[in-house]
Protein backbone atom coordinates (compact mmCIF):
# COMPACT_ATOMS: atom_id res chain seq x y z
CA UNK A 1 3.37 30.59 -16.32
CA UNK A 2 6.69 29.87 -14.59
CA UNK A 3 6.30 28.44 -11.12
CA UNK A 4 8.45 29.85 -8.34
CA UNK A 5 8.46 26.47 -6.61
CA UNK A 6 9.84 23.12 -7.73
CA UNK A 7 7.69 20.11 -8.58
CA UNK A 8 8.88 18.47 -5.34
CA UNK A 9 7.70 21.50 -3.39
CA UNK A 10 4.29 21.38 -5.06
CA UNK A 11 4.01 17.66 -4.27
CA UNK A 12 4.76 18.37 -0.61
CA UNK A 13 2.06 21.03 -0.75
CA UNK A 14 -0.47 18.22 -1.18
CA UNK A 15 0.29 17.18 2.42
CA UNK A 16 -1.28 19.40 5.05
CA UNK A 17 1.49 20.92 7.16
CA UNK A 18 -1.02 21.90 9.85
CA UNK A 19 -2.37 18.37 10.15
CA UNK A 20 1.18 17.00 10.25
CA UNK A 21 2.07 19.29 13.17
CA UNK A 22 -1.00 18.04 15.05
CA UNK A 23 0.21 14.47 14.61
CA UNK A 24 3.71 15.48 15.75
CA UNK A 25 2.22 16.92 18.95
CA UNK A 26 0.02 13.86 19.42
CA UNK A 27 3.03 11.53 19.41
CA UNK A 28 5.41 14.01 21.12
CA UNK A 29 7.76 13.25 18.26
CA UNK A 30 9.92 16.37 18.72
CA UNK A 31 10.50 15.94 22.44
CA UNK A 32 14.10 16.87 23.27
CA UNK A 33 14.63 17.80 19.61
CA UNK A 34 17.44 20.27 19.00
CA UNK A 35 16.41 22.05 15.82
CA UNK A 36 15.79 18.98 13.63
CA UNK A 37 12.08 19.04 12.78
CA UNK A 38 9.93 16.04 11.90
CA UNK A 39 8.93 17.86 8.71
CA UNK A 40 12.58 17.84 7.63
CA UNK A 41 12.67 14.10 8.34
CA UNK A 42 9.51 13.59 6.25
CA UNK A 43 10.95 15.63 3.35
CA UNK A 44 14.16 13.59 3.46
CA UNK A 45 12.33 10.25 3.51
CA UNK A 46 9.96 11.22 0.69
CA UNK A 47 12.99 12.35 -1.32
CA UNK A 48 14.51 8.92 -0.62
CA UNK A 49 11.51 7.21 -2.25
CA UNK A 50 10.78 9.65 -5.07
CA UNK A 51 14.45 10.06 -6.08
CA UNK A 52 15.37 6.40 -5.41
CA UNK A 53 18.20 7.40 -3.08
CA UNK A 54 20.15 4.34 -1.95
CA UNK A 55 21.69 5.64 1.26
CA UNK A 56 21.76 8.44 3.81
CA UNK A 57 24.62 9.99 1.83
CA UNK A 58 22.59 10.06 -1.38
CA UNK A 59 19.59 11.60 0.41
CA UNK A 60 21.66 14.42 1.92
CA UNK A 61 23.70 15.01 -1.24
CA UNK A 62 20.55 14.91 -3.38
CA UNK A 63 18.89 17.57 -1.25
CA UNK A 64 22.13 19.56 -1.37
CA UNK A 65 21.67 19.78 -5.15
CA UNK A 66 18.54 21.79 -4.44
CA UNK A 67 20.36 24.13 -2.06
CA UNK A 68 18.82 27.57 -2.27
CA UNK A 69 15.47 25.99 -3.11
CA UNK A 70 15.00 24.21 0.22
CA UNK A 71 12.98 27.06 1.70
CA UNK A 72 10.17 26.10 -0.71
CA UNK A 73 10.22 22.60 0.81
CA UNK A 74 9.59 24.02 4.27
CA UNK A 75 13.10 23.32 5.59
CA UNK A 76 15.78 25.84 6.47
CA UNK A 77 18.90 23.68 6.48
CA UNK A 78 20.12 20.40 5.07
CA UNK A 79 19.85 17.36 7.34
CA UNK A 80 23.09 15.68 8.35
CA UNK A 81 23.49 11.95 7.80
CA UNK A 82 23.97 11.27 11.51
CA UNK A 83 20.99 13.43 12.50
CA UNK A 84 18.65 11.77 10.02
CA UNK A 85 19.87 8.32 11.06
CA UNK A 86 19.29 9.11 14.75
CA UNK A 87 15.80 10.47 14.04
CA UNK A 88 14.82 7.34 12.08
CA UNK A 89 16.00 5.17 14.92
CA UNK A 90 14.33 7.04 17.79
CA UNK A 91 11.33 9.06 16.58
CA UNK A 92 8.05 7.10 16.69
CA UNK A 93 7.13 5.30 13.47
CA UNK A 94 3.47 5.63 14.57
CA UNK A 95 3.66 9.29 13.49
CA UNK A 96 4.09 8.27 9.84
CA UNK A 97 1.56 5.47 10.17
CA UNK A 98 -1.07 8.01 11.25
CA UNK A 99 0.08 10.40 8.53
CA UNK A 100 -0.41 7.71 5.88
CA UNK A 101 -4.04 7.12 6.89
CA UNK A 102 -4.63 10.87 7.14
CA UNK A 103 -3.22 11.57 3.65
CA UNK A 104 -5.13 8.62 2.17
CA UNK A 105 -8.41 9.78 3.74
CA UNK A 106 -7.77 13.33 2.50
CA UNK A 107 -7.33 12.27 -1.13
CA UNK A 108 -10.25 9.85 -0.98
CA UNK A 109 -12.52 12.63 0.31
CA UNK A 110 -11.54 14.98 -2.53
CA UNK A 111 -11.98 12.48 -5.34
CA UNK A 112 -11.67 8.77 -5.95
CA UNK A 113 -8.13 7.53 -6.51
CA UNK A 114 -9.35 5.02 -9.07
CA UNK A 115 -12.23 2.80 -10.03
CA UNK A 116 -13.02 -0.88 -9.97
CA UNK A 117 -11.74 -2.42 -13.20
CA UNK A 118 -14.02 -5.45 -13.15
CA UNK A 119 -17.65 -4.31 -13.13
CA UNK A 120 -19.42 -6.86 -10.94
CA UNK A 121 -23.17 -6.74 -10.72
CA UNK A 122 -23.18 -6.68 -6.92
CA UNK A 123 -22.63 -3.52 -4.88
CA UNK A 124 -20.80 -5.21 -2.01
CA UNK A 125 -17.44 -3.82 -0.98
CA UNK A 126 -14.82 -6.14 -2.50
CA UNK A 127 -11.52 -6.59 -0.62
CA UNK A 128 -8.38 -8.70 -1.02
CA UNK A 129 -6.19 -9.87 1.84
CA UNK A 130 -2.60 -11.02 1.38
CA UNK A 131 0.95 -10.38 2.56
CA UNK A 132 4.36 -9.87 1.00
CA UNK A 133 7.70 -10.78 2.57
CA UNK A 134 10.65 -8.39 2.44
CA UNK A 135 13.95 -10.24 2.76
CA UNK A 136 16.59 -8.79 5.08
CA UNK A 137 20.23 -9.57 5.80
CA UNK A 138 20.32 -11.33 9.16
CA UNK A 139 23.73 -9.86 10.04
CA UNK A 140 22.33 -6.32 9.68
CA UNK A 141 18.84 -7.03 11.03
CA UNK A 142 19.33 -9.62 13.83
CA UNK A 143 15.96 -8.69 15.39
CA UNK A 144 14.15 -9.88 12.21
CA UNK A 145 15.29 -13.50 12.32
CA UNK A 146 13.23 -15.60 9.92
CA UNK A 147 15.25 -18.70 9.14
CA UNK A 148 18.70 -19.94 10.12
CA UNK A 149 20.59 -17.61 7.77
CA UNK A 150 17.82 -15.28 6.68
CA UNK A 151 15.86 -12.37 8.07
CA UNK A 152 12.66 -10.71 6.92
CA UNK A 153 9.48 -8.80 7.68
CA UNK A 154 5.98 -9.38 6.40
CA UNK A 155 3.58 -6.64 5.28
CA UNK A 156 -0.09 -7.62 5.51
CA UNK A 157 -2.46 -5.56 3.36
CA UNK A 158 -6.23 -5.50 2.97
CA UNK A 159 -6.79 -3.94 -0.46
CA UNK A 160 -10.01 -2.10 -1.26
CA UNK A 161 -10.99 -2.74 -4.89
CA UNK A 162 -12.93 0.52 -5.13
CA UNK A 163 -9.67 2.44 -5.57
CA UNK A 164 -7.03 -0.31 -5.14
CA UNK A 165 -5.60 1.30 -2.02
CA UNK A 166 -5.11 -0.31 1.41
CA UNK A 167 -7.80 -0.20 4.08
CA UNK A 168 -5.62 -2.15 6.53
CA UNK A 169 -1.82 -2.50 6.83
CA UNK A 170 0.08 -4.44 9.46
CA UNK A 171 3.83 -5.12 9.58
CA UNK A 172 5.14 -8.19 11.45
CA UNK A 173 8.29 -10.29 11.48
CA UNK A 174 8.37 -12.85 8.69
CA UNK A 175 8.02 -15.87 10.99
CA UNK A 176 4.76 -14.56 12.46
CA UNK A 177 1.73 -16.55 11.24
CA UNK A 178 -0.70 -14.79 8.90
CA UNK A 179 -3.66 -15.70 11.13
CA UNK A 180 -2.54 -13.14 13.74
CA UNK A 181 -3.10 -10.30 11.26
CA UNK A 182 -6.35 -11.93 10.11
CA UNK A 183 -7.73 -11.78 13.66
CA UNK A 184 -7.20 -7.99 13.80
CA UNK A 185 -9.63 -7.18 10.97
CA UNK A 186 -12.88 -5.35 11.67
CA UNK A 187 -15.12 -5.36 8.58
CA UNK A 188 -18.51 -3.96 7.70
CA UNK A 189 -21.46 -6.24 7.03
CA UNK A 190 -21.79 -7.13 3.35
CA UNK A 191 -18.05 -6.98 2.65
CA UNK A 192 -16.53 -9.73 0.50
CA UNK A 193 -12.92 -10.69 1.23
CA UNK A 194 -10.87 -12.74 -1.24
CA UNK A 195 -7.87 -14.12 0.61
CA UNK A 196 -5.05 -16.63 0.55
CA UNK A 197 -5.65 -19.91 2.38
CA UNK A 198 -2.85 -19.06 4.83
CA UNK A 199 -5.37 -16.79 6.57
CA UNK A 200 -7.92 -19.55 7.23
CA UNK A 201 -9.16 -19.39 10.82
CA UNK A 202 -12.54 -21.09 11.26
CA UNK A 203 -13.27 -19.30 14.54
CA UNK A 204 -12.92 -15.86 12.92
CA UNK A 205 -14.70 -17.01 9.75
CA UNK A 206 -17.66 -18.26 11.81
CA UNK A 207 -17.81 -14.86 13.51
CA UNK A 208 -17.70 -13.16 10.09
CA UNK A 209 -20.65 -15.26 8.91
CA UNK A 210 -22.66 -14.18 11.94
CA UNK A 211 -21.78 -10.54 11.18
CA UNK A 212 -22.75 -10.81 7.49
CA UNK A 213 -19.17 -10.68 6.17
CA UNK A 214 -18.33 -13.01 3.26
CA UNK A 215 -15.04 -14.67 2.32
CA UNK A 216 -13.71 -16.49 -0.75
CA UNK A 217 -10.54 -18.55 -0.45
CA UNK A 218 -8.92 -21.81 -1.54
CA UNK A 219 -9.57 -25.04 0.29
CA UNK A 220 -6.71 -26.96 1.88
CA UNK A 221 -6.11 -30.42 0.45
CA UNK A 222 -6.33 -32.15 3.82
CA UNK A 223 -9.64 -30.52 4.80
CA UNK A 224 -12.23 -33.04 6.05
CA UNK A 225 -15.81 -32.42 4.90
CA UNK A 226 -19.00 -34.08 3.72
CA UNK A 227 -21.21 -33.09 0.79
CA UNK A 228 -24.69 -32.00 1.89
CA UNK A 229 -26.08 -31.17 -1.56
CA UNK A 230 -24.97 -30.47 -5.14
CA UNK A 231 -25.93 -27.55 -7.35
CA UNK A 232 -26.35 -27.38 -11.08
CA UNK A 233 -23.18 -26.36 -12.89
CA UNK A 234 -23.44 -23.58 -15.53
CA UNK A 235 -22.90 -24.78 -19.09
CA UNK A 236 -19.91 -23.78 -21.26
CA UNK A 237 -18.04 -22.38 -18.27
CA UNK A 238 -14.96 -23.50 -16.38
CA UNK A 239 -16.98 -24.60 -13.33
CA UNK A 240 -16.60 -28.33 -12.70
CA UNK A 241 -18.69 -28.71 -9.53
CA UNK A 242 -20.69 -26.63 -7.04
CA UNK A 243 -21.46 -28.24 -3.68
CA UNK A 244 -22.82 -27.34 -0.25
CA UNK A 245 -20.59 -28.95 2.35
CA UNK A 246 -20.12 -29.22 6.09
CA UNK A 247 -16.79 -29.56 7.86
CA UNK A 248 -16.39 -32.93 9.58
CA UNK A 249 -13.05 -32.50 11.37
CA UNK A 250 -13.43 -32.76 15.16
CA UNK A 251 -12.02 -29.25 15.64
CA UNK A 252 -13.18 -27.49 12.47
CA UNK A 253 -16.80 -28.67 12.87
CA UNK A 254 -16.88 -27.22 16.36
CA UNK A 255 -15.37 -23.93 15.21
CA UNK A 256 -17.55 -23.66 12.08
CA UNK A 257 -20.75 -25.73 12.40
CA UNK A 258 -22.62 -23.98 9.55
CA UNK A 259 -22.78 -24.83 5.82
CA UNK A 260 -20.06 -23.82 3.37
CA UNK A 261 -19.84 -23.88 -0.38
CA UNK A 262 -17.19 -25.80 -2.33
CA UNK A 263 -16.62 -24.82 -5.98
CA UNK A 264 -14.15 -26.55 -8.28
CA UNK A 265 -12.82 -24.34 -11.10
CA UNK A 266 -10.70 -25.50 -14.05
CA UNK A 267 -7.70 -23.29 -14.76
CA UNK A 268 -7.01 -23.55 -18.50
CA UNK A 269 -3.69 -21.70 -18.31
CA UNK A 270 -2.09 -24.05 -15.77
CA UNK A 271 -4.23 -27.07 -16.63
CA UNK A 272 -5.21 -27.70 -13.03
CA UNK A 273 -8.19 -27.64 -10.69
CA UNK A 274 -8.69 -24.78 -8.23
CA UNK A 275 -10.88 -25.66 -5.26
CA UNK A 276 -12.59 -22.64 -3.74
CA UNK A 277 -14.77 -22.45 -0.70
CA UNK A 278 -16.94 -19.61 0.57
CA UNK A 279 -19.75 -18.79 2.97
CA UNK A 280 -21.68 -16.94 0.24
CA UNK A 281 -24.49 -19.28 -0.79
CA UNK A 282 -26.34 -16.97 -3.22
CA UNK A 283 -23.91 -15.76 -5.89
CA UNK A 284 -23.41 -17.83 -9.03
CA UNK A 285 -20.37 -20.08 -9.21
CA UNK A 286 -18.84 -18.03 -12.04
CA UNK A 287 -19.15 -14.86 -9.93
CA UNK A 288 -17.38 -16.52 -7.00
CA UNK A 289 -14.65 -17.66 -9.40
CA UNK A 290 -14.30 -14.13 -10.81
CA UNK A 291 -14.05 -12.66 -7.29
CA UNK A 292 -11.13 -14.92 -6.43
CA UNK A 293 -9.46 -14.24 -9.78
CA UNK A 294 -9.72 -10.50 -9.11
CA UNK A 295 -7.58 -11.09 -6.01
CA UNK A 296 -4.62 -10.77 -8.40
CA UNK A 297 -4.90 -6.98 -7.99
CA UNK A 298 -3.22 -7.19 -4.59
CA UNK A 299 -0.22 -8.86 -6.24
CA UNK A 300 -0.11 -5.91 -8.65
CA UNK A 301 -0.16 -3.57 -5.64
CA UNK A 302 2.82 -5.33 -4.02
CA UNK A 303 4.70 -5.32 -7.32
CA UNK A 304 4.06 -1.59 -7.77
CA UNK A 305 5.24 -0.86 -4.23
CA UNK A 306 8.47 -2.85 -4.53
CA UNK A 307 9.43 -1.73 -8.04
CA UNK A 308 8.80 2.01 -7.69
CA UNK A 309 9.65 2.77 -4.06
CA UNK A 310 12.51 1.95 -1.69
CA UNK A 311 11.21 -1.02 0.34
CA UNK A 312 13.73 -3.69 -0.65
CA UNK A 313 16.85 -1.95 0.66
CA UNK A 314 16.89 0.16 3.82
CA UNK A 315 18.90 3.13 5.06
CA UNK A 316 18.61 2.10 8.72
CA UNK A 317 18.94 -1.24 10.49
CA UNK A 318 16.72 -0.75 13.55
CA UNK A 319 13.10 -1.90 13.57
CA UNK A 320 11.84 1.65 14.02
CA UNK A 321 13.88 2.93 11.05
CA UNK A 322 12.56 0.11 8.89
CA UNK A 323 8.95 0.88 9.86
CA UNK A 324 9.43 4.57 9.12
CA UNK A 325 10.77 3.73 5.66
CA UNK A 326 7.83 1.40 4.93
CA UNK A 327 5.20 3.91 6.08
CA UNK A 328 6.79 6.81 4.18
CA UNK A 329 6.93 4.56 1.11
CA UNK A 330 3.18 4.05 1.43
CA UNK A 331 2.72 7.83 1.79
CA UNK A 332 4.75 8.37 -1.40
CA UNK A 333 2.67 5.69 -3.12
CA UNK A 334 -0.58 7.46 -2.24
CA UNK A 335 0.77 10.82 -3.45
CA UNK A 336 1.92 9.36 -6.79
CA UNK A 337 -1.41 7.56 -7.11
CA UNK A 338 -3.20 10.88 -6.61
CA UNK A 339 -1.01 12.62 -9.21
CA UNK A 340 -1.55 9.71 -11.60
CA UNK A 341 -5.30 10.11 -11.15
CA UNK A 342 -5.10 13.86 -11.87
CA UNK A 343 -2.95 13.43 -14.98
CA UNK A 344 -4.54 13.45 -18.43
CA UNK A 345 -1.39 12.27 -20.21
CA UNK A 346 -2.35 8.60 -20.01
CA UNK A 347 1.03 7.39 -18.81
CA UNK A 348 1.55 4.39 -16.57
CA UNK A 349 2.20 4.57 -12.84
CA UNK A 350 5.81 3.37 -13.24
CA UNK A 351 6.54 5.94 -15.97
CA UNK A 352 5.19 8.71 -13.76
CA UNK A 353 7.35 7.57 -10.84
CA UNK A 354 10.39 7.54 -13.14
CA UNK A 355 9.69 10.97 -14.61
CA UNK A 356 9.17 12.44 -11.15
CA UNK A 357 12.61 11.17 -10.16
CA UNK A 358 14.20 13.23 -12.96
CA UNK A 359 12.11 16.38 -12.42
CA UNK A 360 11.84 16.86 -8.66
CA UNK A 361 13.71 20.19 -8.70
CA UNK A 362 12.34 21.34 -12.05
CA UNK A 363 10.43 24.62 -11.94
CA UNK A 364 7.19 23.74 -13.72
CA UNK A 365 3.52 24.05 -12.88
CA UNK A 366 2.66 20.61 -11.49
CA UNK A 367 -0.80 20.30 -13.07
CA UNK A 368 0.47 21.43 -16.49
CA UNK A 369 3.41 19.03 -16.25
CA UNK A 370 1.13 16.13 -15.34
CA UNK A 371 -0.98 16.71 -18.45
CA UNK A 372 1.85 17.53 -20.86
CA UNK A 373 5.16 16.22 -19.44
CA UNK A 374 6.97 16.53 -22.80
CA UNK A 375 5.89 20.10 -23.49
CA UNK A 376 8.52 22.81 -23.84
CA UNK A 377 9.13 24.40 -20.43
CA UNK A 378 8.50 28.15 -20.10
CA UNK A 379 11.48 30.44 -20.53
CA UNK A 380 12.96 32.04 -17.45
CA UNK A 381 12.38 35.80 -17.78
CA UNK A 382 15.58 37.83 -17.94
CA UNK A 383 15.99 40.44 -15.19
CA UNK A 384 15.61 43.99 -16.49
CA UNK A 385 17.27 47.05 -14.93
CA UNK A 386 14.74 49.80 -14.54
CA UNK A 387 15.80 53.27 -15.57
CA UNK A 388 15.66 55.92 -12.89
CA UNK A 389 14.07 59.21 -13.86
CA UNK A 390 16.47 62.00 -12.95
């Protein structure tokens, strides 16, 4: 069956227009607007990510190629470069932040976006916490000063390993310490967080222990501690030692007076020791090691985001425009993740993102295209002149 709407239009149909309008009213995003709707701004920014448009000119010209088909996208006229630039600079980025969480919750409620690759025996919610830095030109982004001749922002993400999608996202300037984002987390009891040692804050970690939240991270080389007891090391594994310790530093002991666990793991690939420490005293040492190793999934998430969506170059130089581009990139990521989950073709995420870029204005049934992207498209029926009976 030939669809009367493009693939891009069907993708936009996955986002509730009614819910979006509620968010627009919540943030008063169209106050003093003169005809340029927030939906048009969203369509333009999603086109930027899905089509890999490099500039405002490419966004507007790319949408112009679909002229005559724009009504199916929910927009009546093409956005001008100046109008889109002004909207990105002044309309609240919080609108697209709320939309991201709304779209993610919607897809998660319909069906899981994925599944945990490593089947651990425990049922605890496994999370990974890390950040990625996006470099910026200091001359164009003076508000994002990072170093003497360099600018940047940092995106902190708490990744849920149940579907490998974020459960927490926070954007800061690159010089902001990771601990500030760490202090904002609110986790459920029983959660296990594998994190980089840059997030170590013994005050928060002591509070987590009291709340039944577990962490696994690497130990700093200058950490002062004493060994309370030693545990038996499993045979024929890469575990070198398993110890119960207590912090002895004058500040750290006051902030975290309870016992911790220090596990030394041998990394065969790099021929080096990895020293882990955790507040989980029950799991086996190999399980703790596997939890920290599984933290690599958040690096895969950052790589997927940067390689397939436009978050390394920006079409606006203000902080608000940059935030809008980051949040709409995350929205596009969730949508592609959902389509990837629905597809039965077995292609990779990057291949799907690439194929979408070439087929946004193709008239195909989206579900059929996802399952058989290389199938012969249906023929466009020729118009027939009906004969009038005289």
